[in-house]
């Protein structure tokens, strides 16, 4: 079929090609056969069911663990969805063409049990997050063991804070019971103390690493600090700034003896006076 019959409603004109300079009489759509070189992202007219040009680059979906908080919708942030957000779908029809719509994940309110808190929680949970909770074994394990990027929920971070504070209170109670003499929780308290010491050691290592990156030198350890402090004190003793022989003082119990004697002596005098007054004979009146 000739072009002027197919594109009869478009005007034809003579234009010179940019690359080869060939003069061609054709519709405006085919004026330049290097059309796609400088109009890559432009869509042309649709003739019937055929589209003459499609965009070369398409938008790719970003995975949820690479998204930031502002990229999620409020429904996802205020529920447990495990990073599952709405996606764009295309619905095609002959009379309307393509229509774009959003497909949201199915979320329902579920009644979930918390072992740490000791009561049930009504939470908005998606089907995908519910499967992850079943794989983890419980709600507490899912909240505490899931990474922040995979959780992708303000509600989940708030629940993590509440569970950690409840665990700290329970650990303090267990340690108090062991200190009071209860031997039943002794292995548990031992594990708690070991974990706390390990966390403190790891926090100190992270701090030293950060200071090393900032200042560019090795952070002094505890042994180096004690050695320098001892050297300073030895120099102060040698120069006479710090006396090495401390004055001898009496023990504390000897210092408190006169205080107690002064406090109890007036009571003794009053008692003696009252006893002497009662021992005097009473003279009868004539």
C-alpha atoms as a PDB file:
ATOM      1  CA  UNK A   1       0.000   0.000   0.000  1.00  0.00           C
ATOM      2  CA  UNK A   2       1.306   3.449  -0.869  1.00  0.00           C
ATOM      3  CA  UNK A   3       2.304   5.784   1.899  1.00  0.00           C
ATOM      4  CA  UNK A   4      -0.022   8.545   0.771  1.00  0.00           C
ATOM      5  CA  UNK A   5      -2.982   6.168   1.126  1.00  0.00           C
ATOM      6  CA  UNK A   6      -1.860   4.859   4.508  1.00  0.00           C
ATOM      7  CA  UNK A   7      -1.025   8.309   5.903  1.00  0.00           C
ATOM      8  CA  UNK A   8      -3.476  10.344   3.879  1.00  0.00           C
ATOM      9  CA  UNK A   9      -4.438  12.621   6.737  1.00  0.00           C
ATOM     10  CA  UNK A  10      -0.816  13.841   7.157  1.00  0.00           C
ATOM     11  CA  UNK A  11       0.722  16.456   4.892  1.00  0.00           C
ATOM     12  CA  UNK A  12       3.748  15.594   2.779  1.00  0.00           C
ATOM     13  CA  UNK A  13       6.647  17.929   2.152  1.00  0.00           C
ATOM     14  CA  UNK A  14      10.138  17.841   0.711  1.00  0.00           C
ATOM     15  CA  UNK A  15      12.943  17.889   3.248  1.00  0.00           C
ATOM     16  CA  UNK A  16      16.623  17.059   3.094  1.00  0.00           C
ATOM     17  CA  UNK A  17      18.039  14.238   5.183  1.00  0.00           C
ATOM     18  CA  UNK A  18      20.493  15.266   7.920  1.00  0.00           C
ATOM     19  CA  UNK A  19      22.990  12.481   7.249  1.00  0.00           C
ATOM     20  CA  UNK A  20      23.063  11.912   3.494  1.00  0.00           C
ATOM     21  CA  UNK A  21      21.329  15.005   2.130  1.00  0.00           C
ATOM     22  CA  UNK A  22      18.804  12.918   0.136  1.00  0.00           C
ATOM     23  CA  UNK A  23      15.612  14.822  -0.687  1.00  0.00           C
ATOM     24  CA  UNK A  24      12.589  12.666   0.037  1.00  0.00           C
ATOM     25  CA  UNK A  25       8.884  13.369  -0.244  1.00  0.00           C
ATOM     26  CA  UNK A  26       7.142  11.591   2.617  1.00  0.00           C
ATOM     27  CA  UNK A  27       4.898  12.257   5.583  1.00  0.00           C
ATOM     28  CA  UNK A  28       6.231  14.122   8.573  1.00  0.00           C
ATOM     29  CA  UNK A  29       6.784  10.892  10.450  1.00  0.00           C
ATOM     30  CA  UNK A  30       9.346   9.666   7.915  1.00  0.00           C
ATOM     31  CA  UNK A  31      11.041  12.967   7.094  1.00  0.00           C
ATOM     32  CA  UNK A  32      14.338  11.773   8.463  1.00  0.00           C
ATOM     33  CA  UNK A  33      15.408   8.143   8.495  1.00  0.00           C
ATOM     34  CA  UNK A  34      17.695   8.943  11.489  1.00  0.00           C
ATOM     35  CA  UNK A  35      14.588   9.641  13.573  1.00  0.00           C
ATOM     36  CA  UNK A  36      15.508   7.336  16.481  1.00  0.00           C
ATOM     37  CA  UNK A  37      18.965   8.900  16.934  1.00  0.00           C
ATOM     38  CA  UNK A  38      17.763  12.139  18.463  1.00  0.00           C
ATOM     39  CA  UNK A  39      14.209  11.245  19.562  1.00  0.00           C
ATOM     40  CA  UNK A  40      14.825   8.087  21.572  1.00  0.00           C
ATOM     41  CA  UNK A  41      12.310   8.717  24.376  1.00  0.00           C
ATOM     42  CA  UNK A  42       9.523  10.264  22.250  1.00  0.00           C
ATOM     43  CA  UNK A  43       6.461   8.205  21.382  1.00  0.00           C
ATOM     44  CA  UNK A  44       4.962   8.676  17.924  1.00  0.00           C
ATOM     45  CA  UNK A  45       1.359   8.406  16.803  1.00  0.00           C
ATOM     46  CA  UNK A  46      -0.535   5.139  16.964  1.00  0.00           C
ATOM     47  CA  UNK A  47      -1.981   3.943  13.646  1.00  0.00           C
ATOM     48  CA  UNK A  48      -4.585   1.324  14.343  1.00  0.00           C
ATOM     49  CA  UNK A  49      -2.983  -1.273  16.581  1.00  0.00           C
ATOM     50  CA  UNK A  50       0.598  -0.582  15.490  1.00  0.00           C
ATOM     51  CA  UNK A  51       2.882   1.811  17.284  1.00  0.00           C
ATOM     52  CA  UNK A  52       5.634   3.141  15.084  1.00  0.00           C
ATOM     53  CA  UNK A  53       8.147   3.696  17.893  1.00  0.00           C
ATOM     54  CA  UNK A  54       8.592   2.223  21.373  1.00  0.00           C
ATOM     55  CA  UNK A  55      10.804   3.718  24.092  1.00  0.00           C
ATOM     56  CA  UNK A  56      14.168   2.030  24.195  1.00  0.00           C
ATOM     57  CA  UNK A  57      14.758   2.283  27.961  1.00  0.00           C
ATOM     58  CA  UNK A  58      12.191   0.990  30.412  1.00  0.00           C
ATOM     59  CA  UNK A  59      11.970   1.699  34.126  1.00  0.00           C
ATOM     60  CA  UNK A  60      13.229  -1.166  36.276  1.00  0.00           C
ATOM     61  CA  UNK A  61      11.693  -2.147  39.582  1.00  0.00           C
ATOM     62  CA  UNK A  62      13.867  -1.375  42.603  1.00  0.00           C
ATOM     63  CA  UNK A  63      14.064  -4.178  45.217  1.00  0.00           C
ATOM     64  CA  UNK A  64      12.720  -3.338  48.663  1.00  0.00           C
ATOM     65  CA  UNK A  65      16.094  -3.747  50.425  1.00  0.00           C
ATOM     66  CA  UNK A  66      17.557  -0.968  48.238  1.00  0.00           C
ATOM     67  CA  UNK A  67      14.718   1.472  48.867  1.00  0.00           C
ATOM     68  CA  UNK A  68      14.789   4.243  51.452  1.00  0.00           C
ATOM     69  CA  UNK A  69      12.019   5.096  53.847  1.00  0.00           C
ATOM     70  CA  UNK A  70      10.523   7.893  51.742  1.00  0.00           C
ATOM     71  CA  UNK A  71      10.098   5.484  48.802  1.00  0.00           C
ATOM     72  CA  UNK A  72       7.535   3.355  50.668  1.00  0.00           C
ATOM     73  CA  UNK A  73       3.874   4.210  51.084  1.00  0.00           C
ATOM     74  CA  UNK A  74       2.351   4.981  54.490  1.00  0.00           C
ATOM     75  CA  UNK A  75       0.330   1.747  54.376  1.00  0.00           C
ATOM     76  CA  UNK A  76       3.541  -0.276  54.126  1.00  0.00           C
ATOM     77  CA  UNK A  77       5.353   1.686  56.854  1.00  0.00           C
ATOM     78  CA  UNK A  78       2.423   1.374  59.283  1.00  0.00           C
ATOM     79  CA  UNK A  79       2.026  -2.396  58.857  1.00  0.00           C
ATOM     80  CA  UNK A  80       4.093  -5.593  58.707  1.00  0.00           C
ATOM     81  CA  UNK A  81       4.563  -6.198  54.974  1.00  0.00           C
ATOM     82  CA  UNK A  82       8.230  -7.361  54.810  1.00  0.00           C
ATOM     83  CA  UNK A  83       9.042  -4.671  52.223  1.00  0.00           C
ATOM     84  CA  UNK A  84       6.095  -5.544  49.978  1.00  0.00           C
ATOM     85  CA  UNK A  85       4.593  -2.370  48.504  1.00  0.00           C
ATOM     86  CA  UNK A  86       2.183  -1.516  45.721  1.00  0.00           C
ATOM     87  CA  UNK A  87       3.211  -2.263  42.136  1.00  0.00           C
ATOM     88  CA  UNK A  88       2.055  -0.795  38.816  1.00  0.00           C
ATOM     89  CA  UNK A  89      -0.038  -3.038  36.614  1.00  0.00           C
ATOM     90  CA  UNK A  90      -1.277  -2.545  33.038  1.00  0.00           C
ATOM     91  CA  UNK A  91      -4.796  -3.373  31.947  1.00  0.00           C
ATOM     92  CA  UNK A  92      -5.340  -3.528  28.169  1.00  0.00           C
ATOM     93  CA  UNK A  93      -8.576  -3.332  26.227  1.00  0.00           C
ATOM     94  CA  UNK A  94      -9.490  -2.690  22.604  1.00  0.00           C
ATOM     95  CA  UNK A  95     -11.577   0.412  23.145  1.00  0.00           C
ATOM     96  CA  UNK A  96      -9.502   2.083  25.896  1.00  0.00           C
ATOM     97  CA  UNK A  97      -6.005   0.875  25.117  1.00  0.00           C
ATOM     98  CA  UNK A  98      -3.695   0.645  28.119  1.00  0.00           C
ATOM     99  CA  UNK A  99      -4.639   1.788  31.602  1.00  0.00           C
ATOM    100  CA  UNK A 100      -2.198   1.817  34.505  1.00  0.00           C
ATOM    101  CA  UNK A 101      -3.365   0.987  38.028  1.00  0.00           C
ATOM    102  CA  UNK A 102      -1.815   0.196  41.403  1.00  0.00           C
ATOM    103  CA  UNK A 103      -2.027  -3.232  42.939  1.00  0.00           C
ATOM    104  CA  UNK A 104      -1.652  -3.171  46.732  1.00  0.00           C
ATOM    105  CA  UNK A 105      -0.689  -6.248  48.756  1.00  0.00           C
ATOM    106  CA  UNK A 106      -3.464  -7.954  50.665  1.00  0.00           C
ATOM    107  CA  UNK A 107      -3.304  -6.857  54.322  1.00  0.00           C
ATOM    108  CA  UNK A 108      -5.486  -8.131  57.140  1.00  0.00           C
ATOM    109  CA  UNK A 109      -5.586  -7.633  60.905  1.00  0.00           C
ATOM    110  CA  UNK A 110      -4.199 -10.713  62.647  1.00  0.00           C
ATOM    111  CA  UNK A 111      -4.233 -11.618  66.350  1.00  0.00           C
ATOM    112  CA  UNK A 112      -0.643 -12.643  67.133  1.00  0.00           C
ATOM    113  CA  UNK A 113       0.799 -13.863  70.442  1.00  0.00           C
ATOM    114  CA  UNK A 114       3.947 -12.347  71.971  1.00  0.00           C
ATOM    115  CA  UNK A 115       5.918 -14.557  74.372  1.00  0.00           C
ATOM    116  CA  UNK A 116       7.995 -11.676  75.740  1.00  0.00           C
ATOM    117  CA  UNK A 117       5.082  -9.319  76.439  1.00  0.00           C
ATOM    118  CA  UNK A 118       2.700 -12.087  77.480  1.00  0.00           C
ATOM    119  CA  UNK A 119      -0.426 -10.972  75.594  1.00  0.00           C
ATOM    120  CA  UNK A 120      -1.949 -10.919  72.100  1.00  0.00           C
ATOM    121  CA  UNK A 121      -1.473  -8.090  69.589  1.00  0.00           C
ATOM    122  CA  UNK A 122      -3.808  -7.052  66.777  1.00  0.00           C
ATOM    123  CA  UNK A 123      -1.533  -6.044  63.899  1.00  0.00           C
ATOM    124  CA  UNK A 124      -2.017  -5.288  60.166  1.00  0.00           C
ATOM    125  CA  UNK A 125      -0.041  -8.020  58.415  1.00  0.00           C
ATOM    126  CA  UNK A 126       0.302  -8.924  54.738  1.00  0.00           C
ATOM    127  CA  UNK A 127       0.241 -12.501  53.476  1.00  0.00           C
ATOM    128  CA  UNK A 128       3.949 -12.364  52.612  1.00  0.00           C
ATOM    129  CA  UNK A 129       4.881 -11.156  56.117  1.00  0.00           C
ATOM    130  CA  UNK A 130       2.627 -13.802  57.680  1.00  0.00           C
ATOM    131  CA  UNK A 131       4.566 -16.508  55.847  1.00  0.00           C
ATOM    132  CA  UNK A 132       7.844 -15.023  57.138  1.00  0.00           C
ATOM    133  CA  UNK A 133       6.471 -15.058  60.710  1.00  0.00           C
ATOM    134  CA  UNK A 134       5.537 -18.730  60.358  1.00  0.00           C
ATOM    135  CA  UNK A 135       9.024 -19.525  59.021  1.00  0.00           C
ATOM    136  CA  UNK A 136      10.664 -17.652  61.942  1.00  0.00           C
ATOM    137  CA  UNK A 137       8.510 -19.531  64.453  1.00  0.00           C
ATOM    138  CA  UNK A 138       6.927 -16.622  66.336  1.00  0.00           C
ATOM    139  CA  UNK A 139       6.259 -12.898  66.155  1.00  0.00           C
ATOM    140  CA  UNK A 140       9.059 -12.085  68.619  1.00  0.00           C
ATOM    141  CA  UNK A 141      11.688 -13.965  66.610  1.00  0.00           C
ATOM    142  CA  UNK A 142      10.571 -12.335  63.379  1.00  0.00           C
ATOM    143  CA  UNK A 143      10.745  -8.813  64.856  1.00  0.00           C
ATOM    144  CA  UNK A 144      14.078  -9.300  66.664  1.00  0.00           C
ATOM    145  CA  UNK A 145      15.916 -11.311  63.978  1.00  0.00           C
ATOM    146  CA  UNK A 146      14.794  -9.510  60.801  1.00  0.00           C
ATOM    147  CA  UNK A 147      17.058  -6.838  59.372  1.00  0.00           C
ATOM    148  CA  UNK A 148      15.866  -3.236  59.219  1.00  0.00           C
ATOM    149  CA  UNK A 149      16.011  -3.168  55.410  1.00  0.00           C
ATOM    150  CA  UNK A 150      13.942  -6.331  55.065  1.00  0.00           C
ATOM    151  CA  UNK A 151      11.482  -5.292  57.779  1.00  0.00           C
ATOM    152  CA  UNK A 152      10.855  -1.848  56.189  1.00  0.00           C
ATOM    153  CA  UNK A 153       8.225  -0.828  58.736  1.00  0.00           C
ATOM    154  CA  UNK A 154       7.893   1.867  61.396  1.00  0.00           C
ATOM    155  CA  UNK A 155       5.499  -0.381  63.278  1.00  0.00           C
ATOM    156  CA  UNK A 156       8.088  -3.176  63.264  1.00  0.00           C
ATOM    157  CA  UNK A 157      10.820  -0.876  64.610  1.00  0.00           C
ATOM    158  CA  UNK A 158       8.505   0.319  67.402  1.00  0.00           C
ATOM    159  CA  UNK A 159       7.715  -3.298  68.333  1.00  0.00           C
ATOM    160  CA  UNK A 160      11.448  -4.100  68.328  1.00  0.00           C
ATOM    161  CA  UNK A 161      12.074  -1.265  70.814  1.00  0.00           C
ATOM    162  CA  UNK A 162       9.232  -2.436  73.091  1.00  0.00           C
ATOM    163  CA  UNK A 163      10.433  -6.060  73.053  1.00  0.00           C
ATOM    164  CA  UNK A 164      14.045  -5.131  73.813  1.00  0.00           C
ATOM    165  CA  UNK A 165      13.019  -2.969  76.777  1.00  0.00           C
ATOM    166  CA  UNK A 166      10.859  -5.801  78.123  1.00  0.00           C
ATOM    167  CA  UNK A 167      13.773  -8.224  77.761  1.00  0.00           C
ATOM    168  CA  UNK A 168      16.072  -5.858  79.671  1.00  0.00           C
ATOM    169  CA  UNK A 169      13.593  -5.611  82.542  1.00  0.00           C
ATOM    170  CA  UNK A 170      13.275  -9.406  82.717  1.00  0.00           C
ATOM    171  CA  UNK A 171      17.051  -9.832  82.698  1.00  0.00           C
ATOM    172  CA  UNK A 172      17.427  -7.345  85.565  1.00  0.00           C
ATOM    173  CA  UNK A 173      14.817  -9.266  87.570  1.00  0.00           C
ATOM    174  CA  UNK A 174      16.637 -12.562  86.982  1.00  0.00           C
ATOM    175  CA  UNK A 175      19.968 -11.090  88.099  1.00  0.00           C
ATOM    176  CA  UNK A 176      18.349  -9.671  91.263  1.00  0.00           C
ATOM    177  CA  UNK A 177      16.851 -13.061  92.098  1.00  0.00           C
ATOM    178  CA  UNK A 178      20.254 -14.738  91.711  1.00  0.00           C
ATOM    179  CA  UNK A 179      21.902 -12.124  93.941  1.00  0.00           C
ATOM    180  CA  UNK A 180      19.232 -12.747  96.583  1.00  0.00           C
ATOM    181  CA  UNK A 181      20.238 -16.435  96.692  1.00  0.00           C
ATOM    182  CA  UNK A 182      17.980 -18.146  94.135  1.00  0.00           C
ATOM    183  CA  UNK A 183      20.144 -20.829  92.474  1.00  0.00           C
ATOM    184  CA  UNK A 184      17.488 -21.788  89.923  1.00  0.00           C
ATOM    185  CA  UNK A 185      18.294 -18.916  87.521  1.00  0.00           C
ATOM    186  CA  UNK A 186      22.065 -19.046  87.969  1.00  0.00           C
ATOM    187  CA  UNK A 187      22.886 -20.505  84.478  1.00  0.00           C
ATOM    188  CA  UNK A 188      20.586 -17.967  82.814  1.00  0.00           C
ATOM    189  CA  UNK A 189      22.180 -15.064  84.704  1.00  0.00           C
ATOM    190  CA  UNK A 190      25.629 -16.344  83.745  1.00  0.00           C
ATOM    191  CA  UNK A 191      24.695 -16.310  80.047  1.00  0.00           C
ATOM    192  CA  UNK A 192      23.202 -12.813  80.398  1.00  0.00           C
ATOM    193  CA  UNK A 193      26.374 -11.424  81.967  1.00  0.00           C
ATOM    194  CA  UNK A 194      28.545 -13.030  79.267  1.00  0.00           C
ATOM    195  CA  UNK A 195      26.402 -11.542  76.529  1.00  0.00           C
ATOM    196  CA  UNK A 196      26.516  -8.081  78.107  1.00  0.00           C
ATOM    197  CA  UNK A 197      30.309  -8.224  78.362  1.00  0.00           C
ATOM    198  CA  UNK A 198      30.557  -9.341  74.738  1.00  0.00           C
ATOM    199  CA  UNK A 199      28.308  -6.478  73.625  1.00  0.00           C
ATOM    200  CA  UNK A 200      30.406  -3.974  75.567  1.00  0.00           C
ATOM    201  CA  UNK A 201      33.602  -5.346  74.027  1.00  0.00           C
ATOM    202  CA  UNK A 202      32.158  -5.130  70.500  1.00  0.00           C
ATOM    203  CA  UNK A 203      30.943  -1.577  71.159  1.00  0.00           C
ATOM    204  CA  UNK A 204      34.440  -0.594  72.320  1.00  0.00           C
ATOM    205  CA  UNK A 205      35.950  -2.116  69.156  1.00  0.00           C
ATOM    206  CA  UNK A 206      33.506  -0.185  66.960  1.00  0.00           C
ATOM    207  CA  UNK A 207      34.330   3.031  68.811  1.00  0.00           C
ATOM    208  CA  UNK A 208      38.078   2.511  68.393  1.00  0.00           C
ATOM    209  CA  UNK A 209      37.641   1.744  64.704  1.00  0.00           C
ATOM    210  CA  UNK A 210      35.641   4.926  64.176  1.00  0.00           C
ATOM    211  CA  UNK A 211      38.179   7.043  66.056  1.00  0.00           C
ATOM    212  CA  UNK A 212      40.970   5.448  64.037  1.00  0.00           C
ATOM    213  CA  UNK A 213      39.191   6.416  60.812  1.00  0.00           C
ATOM    214  CA  UNK A 214      38.677   9.988  62.030  1.00  0.00           C
ATOM    215  CA  UNK A 215      42.070  10.748  63.577  1.00  0.00           C
ATOM    216  CA  UNK A 216      44.188   8.350  61.511  1.00  0.00           C
ATOM    217  CA  UNK A 217      46.218   6.861  64.379  1.00  0.00           C
ATOM    218  CA  UNK A 218      45.962   3.932  66.724  1.00  0.00           C
ATOM    219  CA  UNK A 219      43.659   4.463  69.646  1.00  0.00           C
ATOM    220  CA  UNK A 220      45.478   3.811  72.964  1.00  0.00           C
ATOM    221  CA  UNK A 221      44.370   0.647  74.708  1.00  0.00           C
ATOM    222  CA  UNK A 222      43.778   0.193  78.455  1.00  0.00           C
ATOM    223  CA  UNK A 223      47.304  -1.141  79.032  1.00  0.00           C
ATOM    224  CA  UNK A 224      48.891   1.867  77.325  1.00  0.00           C
ATOM    225  CA  UNK A 225      46.757   4.227  79.397  1.00  0.00           C
ATOM    226  CA  UNK A 226      47.697   2.573  82.705  1.00  0.00           C
ATOM    227  CA  UNK A 227      51.383   2.566  81.775  1.00  0.00           C
ATOM    228  CA  UNK A 228      51.323   6.291  80.989  1.00  0.00           C
ATOM    229  CA  UNK A 229      49.436   7.080  84.201  1.00  0.00           C
ATOM    230  CA  UNK A 230      51.981   5.155  86.283  1.00  0.00           C
ATOM    231  CA  UNK A 231      54.854   6.997  84.598  1.00  0.00           C
ATOM    232  CA  UNK A 232      53.218  10.338  85.383  1.00  0.00           C
ATOM    233  CA  UNK A 233      52.737   9.430  89.039  1.00  0.00           C
ATOM    234  CA  UNK A 234      56.329   8.210  89.399  1.00  0.00           C
ATOM    235  CA  UNK A 235      57.573  11.533  87.973  1.00  0.00           C
ATOM    236  CA  UNK A 236      55.352  13.440  90.430  1.00  0.00           C
ATOM    237  CA  UNK A 237      56.748  11.410  93.343  1.00  0.00           C
ATOM    238  CA  UNK A 238      60.338  12.033  92.199  1.00  0.00           C
ATOM    239  CA  UNK A 239      59.767  15.779  91.866  1.00  0.00           C
ATOM    240  CA  UNK A 240      58.009  15.983  95.246  1.00  0.00           C
ATOM    241  CA  UNK A 241      54.594  16.990  93.941  1.00  0.00           C
ATOM    242  CA  UNK A 242      53.047  13.796  95.306  1.00  0.00           C
ATOM    243  CA  UNK A 243      54.098  12.481  98.716  1.00  0.00           C
ATOM    244  CA  UNK A 244      54.853   8.801  98.677  1.00  0.00           C
ATOM    245  CA  UNK A 245      54.469   8.268 102.465  1.00  0.00           C
ATOM    246  CA  UNK A 246      50.936   9.028 103.562  1.00  0.00           C
ATOM    247  CA  UNK A 247      50.297  10.218 107.161  1.00  0.00           C
ATOM    248  CA  UNK A 248      49.147   7.467 109.477  1.00  0.00           C
ATOM    249  CA  UNK A 249      45.681   7.954 110.883  1.00  0.00           C
ATOM    250  CA  UNK A 250      43.879   5.932 113.546  1.00  0.00           C
ATOM    251  CA  UNK A 251      41.331   3.458 112.305  1.00  0.00           C
ATOM    252  CA  UNK A 252      37.783   4.528 111.788  1.00  0.00           C
ATOM    253  CA  UNK A 253      36.387   2.774 114.845  1.00  0.00           C
ATOM    254  CA  UNK A 254      38.818   4.673 117.097  1.00  0.00           C
ATOM    255  CA  UNK A 255      37.762   7.944 115.521  1.00  0.00           C
ATOM    256  CA  UNK A 256      34.093   7.193 116.249  1.00  0.00           C
ATOM    257  CA  UNK A 257      34.597   6.192 119.920  1.00  0.00           C
ATOM    258  CA  UNK A 258      34.671   9.761 121.347  1.00  0.00           C
ATOM    259  CA  UNK A 259      31.619  10.660 119.325  1.00  0.00           C
ATOM    260  CA  UNK A 260      29.593   7.809 120.807  1.00  0.00           C
ATOM    261  CA  UNK A 261      30.894   8.517 124.313  1.00  0.00           C
ATOM    262  CA  UNK A 262      29.899  12.178 124.080  1.00  0.00           C
ATOM    263  CA  UNK A 263      26.481  11.192 122.771  1.00  0.00           C
ATOM    264  CA  UNK A 264      25.721   8.655 125.539  1.00  0.00           C
ATOM    265  CA  UNK A 265      27.331  10.432 128.536  1.00  0.00           C
ATOM    266  CA  UNK A 266      24.426  12.900 129.226  1.00  0.00           C
ATOM    267  CA  UNK A 267      21.958  10.042 129.443  1.00  0.00           C
ATOM    268  CA  UNK A 268      24.119   8.358 132.116  1.00  0.00           C
ATOM    269  CA  UNK A 269      24.225  11.560 134.213  1.00  0.00           C
ATOM    270  CA  UNK A 270      20.451  11.985 134.055  1.00  0.00           C
ATOM    271  CA  UNK A 271      19.957   8.378 135.086  1.00  0.00           C
ATOM    272  CA  UNK A 272      22.325   8.769 138.079  1.00  0.00           C
ATOM    273  CA  UNK A 273      20.568  11.956 139.142  1.00  0.00           C
ATOM    274  CA  UNK A 274      17.148  10.313 139.032  1.00  0.00           C
ATOM    275  CA  UNK A 275      18.455   7.310 141.005  1.00  0.00           C
ATOM    276  CA  UNK A 276      19.904   9.559 143.780  1.00  0.00           C
ATOM    277  CA  UNK A 277      16.665  11.515 144.121  1.00  0.00           C
ATOM    278  CA  UNK A 278      14.676   8.335 144.659  1.00  0.00           C
ATOM    279  CA  UNK A 279      17.133   7.020 147.280  1.00  0.00           C
ATOM    280  CA  UNK A 280      16.769  10.107 149.603  1.00  0.00           C
ATOM    281  CA  UNK A 281      14.495   9.536 152.709  1.00  0.00           C
ATOM    282  CA  UNK A 282      11.134  11.251 152.788  1.00  0.00           C
ATOM    283  CA  UNK A 283      10.558  13.388 155.938  1.00  0.00           C
ATOM    284  CA  UNK A 284       7.066  13.192 157.384  1.00  0.00           C
ATOM    285  CA  UNK A 285       5.307  16.447 158.179  1.00  0.00           C
ATOM    286  CA  UNK A 286       4.584  17.114 161.828  1.00  0.00           C
END
